[in-house]
Amino acid sequence: MEERMIIARNIKRMREASNYTQDSVATFLGIGRSAYSNYEAGLRELPLEHMEKLADLYGCDAYMMYEENLDLVENMLATAFRVDNLTASDMEQVATFKKVVKNSLMMDSMLSK
């Protein structure tokens, strides 16, 4: 499968598992819904800066956007944070929190070696 289509499939799965709309994710990224829709459809390449923001929002590493193994993606989504009616500001706070947790877990892992 083409890389752009893998990313498209994964960001759509992540968005749906988190119960976000395309419009809310687009607003979080600071782009229009139609631009975001093109990323999910695989019509346009997702810029790295957006990929990094989405990784923070979904609490994963950016490389998960490239993951071809659906089982790995589904396992990551099992812990998706689902809340309705979040504003872009709320989503920024969720992304910041998840980034802190992800970095803390990584540091704990490194220290325990």
N, C-alpha and C. Protein backbone atom coordinates (compact mmCIF):
# COMPACT_ATOMS: atom_id res chain seq x y z
N MET A 1 0.85 -1.17 0.00
CA MET A 1 0.00 0.00 0.00
C MET A 1 0.90 1.24 0.00
N GLU A 2 0.51 2.24 -0.74
CA GLU A 2 1.27 3.48 -0.84
C GLU A 2 1.31 4.19 0.53
N GLU A 3 2.46 4.79 0.84
CA GLU A 3 2.66 5.46 2.14
C GLU A 3 1.57 6.48 2.45
N ARG A 4 1.21 7.29 1.50
CA ARG A 4 0.19 8.32 1.73
C ARG A 4 -1.15 7.70 2.10
N MET A 5 -1.47 6.55 1.50
CA MET A 5 -2.73 5.86 1.82
C MET A 5 -2.69 5.21 3.20
N ILE A 6 -1.52 4.74 3.61
CA ILE A 6 -1.38 4.17 4.96
C ILE A 6 -1.62 5.27 5.99
N ILE A 7 -0.99 6.42 5.77
CA ILE A 7 -1.17 7.54 6.69
C ILE A 7 -2.64 7.96 6.71
N ALA A 8 -3.25 8.05 5.54
CA ALA A 8 -4.67 8.44 5.45
C ALA A 8 -5.55 7.49 6.25
N ARG A 9 -5.33 6.20 6.06
CA ARG A 9 -6.12 5.19 6.78
C ARG A 9 -5.93 5.33 8.29
N ASN A 10 -4.68 5.52 8.71
CA ASN A 10 -4.39 5.57 10.14
C ASN A 10 -4.92 6.83 10.81
N ILE A 11 -4.80 7.97 10.16
CA ILE A 11 -5.29 9.20 10.82
C ILE A 11 -6.83 9.18 10.88
N LYS A 12 -7.45 8.55 9.91
CA LYS A 12 -8.91 8.43 9.97
C LYS A 12 -9.32 7.51 11.12
N ARG A 13 -8.64 6.37 11.26
CA ARG A 13 -8.95 5.44 12.35
C ARG A 13 -8.73 6.10 13.71
N MET A 14 -7.64 6.84 13.83
CA MET A 14 -7.33 7.51 15.09
C MET A 14 -8.39 8.57 15.42
N ARG A 15 -8.78 9.32 14.42
CA ARG A 15 -9.80 10.36 14.63
C ARG A 15 -11.12 9.73 15.05
N GLU A 16 -11.55 8.71 14.34
CA GLU A 16 -12.83 8.06 14.65
C GLU A 16 -12.80 7.39 16.02
N ALA A 17 -11.68 6.76 16.37
CA ALA A 17 -11.57 6.10 17.67
C ALA A 17 -11.64 7.12 18.81
N SER A 18 -11.21 8.33 18.54
CA SER A 18 -11.23 9.40 19.54
C SER A 18 -12.53 10.17 19.53
N ASN A 19 -13.41 9.82 18.60
CA ASN A 19 -14.73 10.45 18.49
C ASN A 19 -14.65 11.93 18.13
N TYR A 20 -13.65 12.29 17.30
CA TYR A 20 -13.52 13.65 16.81
C TYR A 20 -14.11 13.73 15.41
N THR A 21 -14.58 14.91 15.05
CA THR A 21 -15.04 15.14 13.69
C THR A 21 -13.87 15.66 12.86
N GLN A 22 -14.01 15.56 11.55
CA GLN A 22 -12.98 16.15 10.68
C GLN A 22 -12.87 17.64 10.94
N ASP A 23 -14.00 18.29 11.17
CA ASP A 23 -14.00 19.72 11.41
C ASP A 23 -13.22 20.08 12.68
N SER A 24 -13.43 19.31 13.76
CA SER A 24 -12.74 19.63 15.01
C SER A 24 -11.23 19.40 14.89
N VAL A 25 -10.83 18.34 14.19
CA VAL A 25 -9.40 18.08 14.01
C VAL A 25 -8.78 19.14 13.10
N ALA A 26 -9.50 19.53 12.07
CA ALA A 26 -9.00 20.59 11.18
C ALA A 26 -8.81 21.89 11.95
N THR A 27 -9.77 22.24 12.78
CA THR A 27 -9.66 23.45 13.59
C THR A 27 -8.47 23.35 14.53
N PHE A 28 -8.28 22.19 15.16
CA PHE A 28 -7.13 21.97 16.04
C PHE A 28 -5.82 22.19 15.28
N LEU A 29 -5.76 21.73 14.02
CA LEU A 29 -4.55 21.88 13.22
C LEU A 29 -4.41 23.27 12.63
N GLY A 30 -5.49 24.06 12.67
CA GLY A 30 -5.45 25.41 12.10
C GLY A 30 -5.60 25.42 10.60
N ILE A 31 -6.34 24.44 10.07
CA ILE A 31 -6.57 24.35 8.62
C ILE A 31 -8.07 24.18 8.37
N GLY A 32 -8.47 24.24 7.12
CA GLY A 32 -9.86 24.03 6.75
C GLY A 32 -10.22 22.55 6.74
N ARG A 33 -11.52 22.27 6.92
CA ARG A 33 -11.98 20.89 6.92
C ARG A 33 -11.69 20.20 5.60
N SER A 34 -11.84 20.91 4.49
CA SER A 34 -11.60 20.28 3.19
C SER A 34 -10.13 19.88 3.03
N ALA A 35 -9.22 20.68 3.56
CA ALA A 35 -7.79 20.30 3.50
C ALA A 35 -7.55 19.04 4.32
N TYR A 36 -8.15 19.00 5.52
CA TYR A 36 -7.98 17.80 6.35
C TYR A 36 -8.61 16.58 5.68
N SER A 37 -9.76 16.78 5.09
CA SER A 37 -10.45 15.69 4.39
C SER A 37 -9.55 15.11 3.29
N ASN A 38 -8.81 15.97 2.62
CA ASN A 38 -7.89 15.50 1.57
C ASN A 38 -6.77 14.63 2.16
N TYR A 39 -6.33 14.94 3.38
CA TYR A 39 -5.31 14.10 4.02
C TYR A 39 -5.88 12.73 4.34
N GLU A 40 -7.10 12.70 4.86
CA GLU A 40 -7.73 11.40 5.21
C GLU A 40 -8.06 10.58 3.96
N ALA A 41 -8.32 11.25 2.86
CA ALA A 41 -8.63 10.54 1.62
C ALA A 41 -7.35 10.12 0.88
N GLY A 42 -6.21 10.57 1.36
CA GLY A 42 -4.95 10.25 0.70
C GLY A 42 -4.70 11.06 -0.56
N LEU A 43 -5.46 12.14 -0.73
CA LEU A 43 -5.30 12.98 -1.91
C LEU A 43 -4.13 13.95 -1.80
N ARG A 44 -3.78 14.29 -0.56
CA ARG A 44 -2.67 15.20 -0.31
C ARG A 44 -1.80 14.60 0.78
N GLU A 45 -0.51 14.92 0.72
CA GLU A 45 0.43 14.44 1.72
C GLU A 45 0.30 15.25 3.00
N LEU A 46 0.25 14.57 4.12
CA LEU A 46 0.13 15.21 5.43
C LEU A 46 1.49 15.81 5.81
N PRO A 47 1.53 17.14 6.02
CA PRO A 47 2.80 17.77 6.41
C PRO A 47 3.28 17.27 7.77
N LEU A 48 4.58 17.25 7.96
CA LEU A 48 5.18 16.76 9.19
C LEU A 48 4.68 17.53 10.41
N GLU A 49 4.53 18.83 10.31
CA GLU A 49 4.07 19.61 11.46
C GLU A 49 2.67 19.17 11.90
N HIS A 50 1.80 18.84 10.95
CA HIS A 50 0.46 18.36 11.29
C HIS A 50 0.53 16.94 11.85
N MET A 51 1.42 16.13 11.29
CA MET A 51 1.59 14.77 11.77
C MET A 51 2.03 14.77 13.24
N GLU A 52 2.94 15.65 13.58
CA GLU A 52 3.43 15.74 14.95
C GLU A 52 2.32 16.21 15.90
N LYS A 53 1.52 17.17 15.47
CA LYS A 53 0.41 17.64 16.30
C LYS A 53 -0.63 16.54 16.50
N LEU A 54 -0.91 15.78 15.43
CA LEU A 54 -1.86 14.67 15.56
C LEU A 54 -1.32 13.58 16.48
N ALA A 55 -0.03 13.31 16.39
CA ALA A 55 0.57 12.31 17.28
C ALA A 55 0.41 12.73 18.74
N ASP A 56 0.60 14.01 19.01
CA ASP A 56 0.40 14.49 20.39
C ASP A 56 -1.07 14.35 20.79
N LEU A 57 -1.97 14.71 19.90
CA LEU A 57 -3.39 14.64 20.19
C LEU A 57 -3.83 13.21 20.49
N TYR A 58 -3.30 12.25 19.73
CA TYR A 58 -3.70 10.86 19.89
C TYR A 58 -2.81 10.09 20.87
N GLY A 59 -1.79 10.76 21.41
CA GLY A 59 -0.94 10.13 22.42
C GLY A 59 -0.05 9.02 21.88
N CYS A 60 0.44 9.21 20.67
CA CYS A 60 1.30 8.20 20.07
C CYS A 60 2.52 8.88 19.46
N ASP A 61 3.45 8.08 19.00
CA ASP A 61 4.59 8.61 18.27
C ASP A 61 4.18 8.81 16.81
N ALA A 62 4.80 9.78 16.17
CA ALA A 62 4.45 10.10 14.78
C ALA A 62 4.64 8.90 13.85
N TYR A 63 5.58 8.01 14.18
CA TYR A 63 5.81 6.86 13.31
C TYR A 63 4.58 5.95 13.21
N MET A 64 3.67 6.04 14.20
CA MET A 64 2.45 5.22 14.13
C MET A 64 1.60 5.60 12.93
N MET A 65 1.75 6.79 12.41
CA MET A 65 1.00 7.20 11.22
C MET A 65 1.40 6.36 10.01
N TYR A 66 2.63 5.82 10.04
CA TYR A 66 3.16 5.02 8.94
C TYR A 66 2.94 3.53 9.12
N GLU A 67 2.36 3.14 10.25
CA GLU A 67 2.25 1.72 10.59
C GLU A 67 1.30 0.99 9.65
N GLU A 68 1.82 -0.06 9.00
CA GLU A 68 1.00 -0.85 8.08
C GLU A 68 0.21 -1.94 8.80
N ASN A 69 0.72 -2.40 9.94
CA ASN A 69 0.08 -3.48 10.68
C ASN A 69 -1.14 -2.94 11.42
N LEU A 70 -2.31 -3.30 10.95
CA LEU A 70 -3.55 -2.81 11.56
C LEU A 70 -3.71 -3.24 13.01
N ASP A 71 -3.18 -4.40 13.37
CA ASP A 71 -3.28 -4.87 14.75
C ASP A 71 -2.55 -3.92 15.70
N LEU A 72 -1.39 -3.43 15.29
CA LEU A 72 -0.64 -2.49 16.13
C LEU A 72 -1.39 -1.17 16.28
N VAL A 73 -1.98 -0.72 15.20
CA VAL A 73 -2.76 0.53 15.24
C VAL A 73 -3.98 0.33 16.14
N GLU A 74 -4.66 -0.79 15.98
CA GLU A 74 -5.84 -1.06 16.80
C GLU A 74 -5.49 -1.17 18.28
N ASN A 75 -4.35 -1.78 18.60
CA ASN A 75 -3.93 -1.87 19.99
C ASN A 75 -3.67 -0.49 20.58
N MET A 76 -3.08 0.39 19.81
CA MET A 76 -2.83 1.75 20.26
C MET A 76 -4.16 2.47 20.48
N LEU A 77 -5.14 2.20 19.63
CA LEU A 77 -6.43 2.88 19.72
C LEU A 77 -7.28 2.37 20.87
N ALA A 78 -6.93 1.25 21.44
CA ALA A 78 -7.71 0.70 22.55
C ALA A 78 -7.72 1.65 23.75
N THR A 79 -6.73 2.53 23.81
CA THR A 79 -6.65 3.48 24.92
C THR A 79 -7.04 4.89 24.48
N ALA A 80 -7.74 5.01 23.37
CA ALA A 80 -8.13 6.33 22.87
C ALA A 80 -8.98 7.08 23.90
N PHE A 81 -8.73 8.35 23.98
CA PHE A 81 -9.42 9.24 24.90
C PHE A 81 -10.63 9.80 24.17
N ARG A 82 -11.84 9.43 24.61
CA ARG A 82 -13.05 9.81 23.89
C ARG A 82 -13.87 10.83 24.70
N VAL A 83 -14.00 12.03 24.14
CA VAL A 83 -14.79 13.08 24.76
C VAL A 83 -15.50 13.84 23.64
N ASP A 84 -16.73 14.20 23.88
CA ASP A 84 -17.49 14.95 22.88
C ASP A 84 -17.37 16.44 23.10
N ASN A 85 -17.56 17.19 22.02
CA ASN A 85 -17.69 18.64 22.04
C ASN A 85 -16.49 19.38 22.61
N LEU A 86 -15.30 18.95 22.28
CA LEU A 86 -14.11 19.66 22.71
C LEU A 86 -13.85 20.84 21.78
N THR A 87 -13.41 21.94 22.35
CA THR A 87 -13.00 23.09 21.55
C THR A 87 -11.56 22.86 21.10
N ALA A 88 -11.10 23.70 20.18
CA ALA A 88 -9.71 23.60 19.74
C ALA A 88 -8.77 23.81 20.92
N SER A 89 -9.12 24.69 21.82
CA SER A 89 -8.31 24.94 23.02
C SER A 89 -8.28 23.69 23.91
N ASP A 90 -9.43 23.05 24.07
CA ASP A 90 -9.49 21.80 24.85
C ASP A 90 -8.59 20.75 24.21
N MET A 91 -8.65 20.65 22.89
CA MET A 91 -7.84 19.66 22.18
C MET A 91 -6.36 19.95 22.35
N GLU A 92 -5.98 21.23 22.38
CA GLU A 92 -4.58 21.61 22.62
C GLU A 92 -4.15 21.13 24.00
N GLN A 93 -5.02 21.29 24.98
CA GLN A 93 -4.69 20.85 26.34
C GLN A 93 -4.58 19.33 26.42
N VAL A 94 -5.47 18.62 25.74
CA VAL A 94 -5.40 17.16 25.70
C VAL A 94 -4.08 16.72 25.05
N ALA A 95 -3.73 17.36 23.93
CA ALA A 95 -2.50 17.02 23.22
C ALA A 95 -1.27 17.28 24.09
N THR A 96 -1.27 18.41 24.80
CA THR A 96 -0.14 18.73 25.68
C THR A 96 -0.03 17.71 26.79
N PHE A 97 -1.15 17.35 27.40
CA PHE A 97 -1.15 16.35 28.47
C PHE A 97 -0.63 15.01 27.97
N LYS A 98 -1.12 14.57 26.83
CA LYS A 98 -0.69 13.27 26.29
C LYS A 98 0.79 13.29 25.94
N LYS A 99 1.29 14.43 25.47
CA LYS A 99 2.71 14.54 25.14
C LYS A 99 3.54 14.43 26.41
N VAL A 100 3.12 15.07 27.49
CA VAL A 100 3.83 14.98 28.77
C VAL A 100 3.83 13.54 29.27
N VAL A 101 2.70 12.88 29.22
CA VAL A 101 2.62 11.48 29.67
C VAL A 101 3.51 10.60 28.81
N LYS A 102 3.45 10.77 27.50
CA LYS A 102 4.27 9.95 26.59
C LYS A 102 5.75 10.15 26.89
N ASN A 103 6.18 11.40 27.09
CA ASN A 103 7.58 11.69 27.38
C ASN A 103 7.99 11.14 28.75
N SER A 104 7.10 11.22 29.71
CA SER A 104 7.38 10.68 31.04
C SER A 104 7.57 9.16 30.99
N LEU A 105 6.69 8.49 30.26
CA LEU A 105 6.82 7.03 30.13
C LEU A 105 8.13 6.66 29.42
N MET A 106 8.51 7.44 28.43
CA MET A 106 9.75 7.18 27.71
C MET A 106 10.95 7.38 28.65
N MET A 107 10.91 8.44 29.46
CA MET A 107 12.01 8.68 30.40
C MET A 107 12.09 7.57 31.45
N ASP A 108 10.94 7.14 31.97
CA ASP A 108 10.93 6.03 32.93
C ASP A 108 11.53 4.78 32.31
N SER A 109 11.18 4.52 31.08
CA SER A 109 11.71 3.34 30.38
C SER A 109 13.22 3.43 30.23
N MET A 110 13.71 4.61 29.89
CA MET A 110 15.15 4.80 29.70
C MET A 110 15.90 4.68 31.03
N LEU A 111 15.31 5.18 32.11
CA LEU A 111 15.96 5.14 33.42
C LEU A 111 15.99 3.73 34.01
N SER A 112 15.03 2.90 33.62
CA SER A 112 14.97 1.56 34.19
C SER A 112 15.91 0.58 33.49
N LYS A 113 16.57 1.02 32.46
CA LYS A 113 17.50 0.13 31.73
C LYS A 113 18.85 0.12 32.37
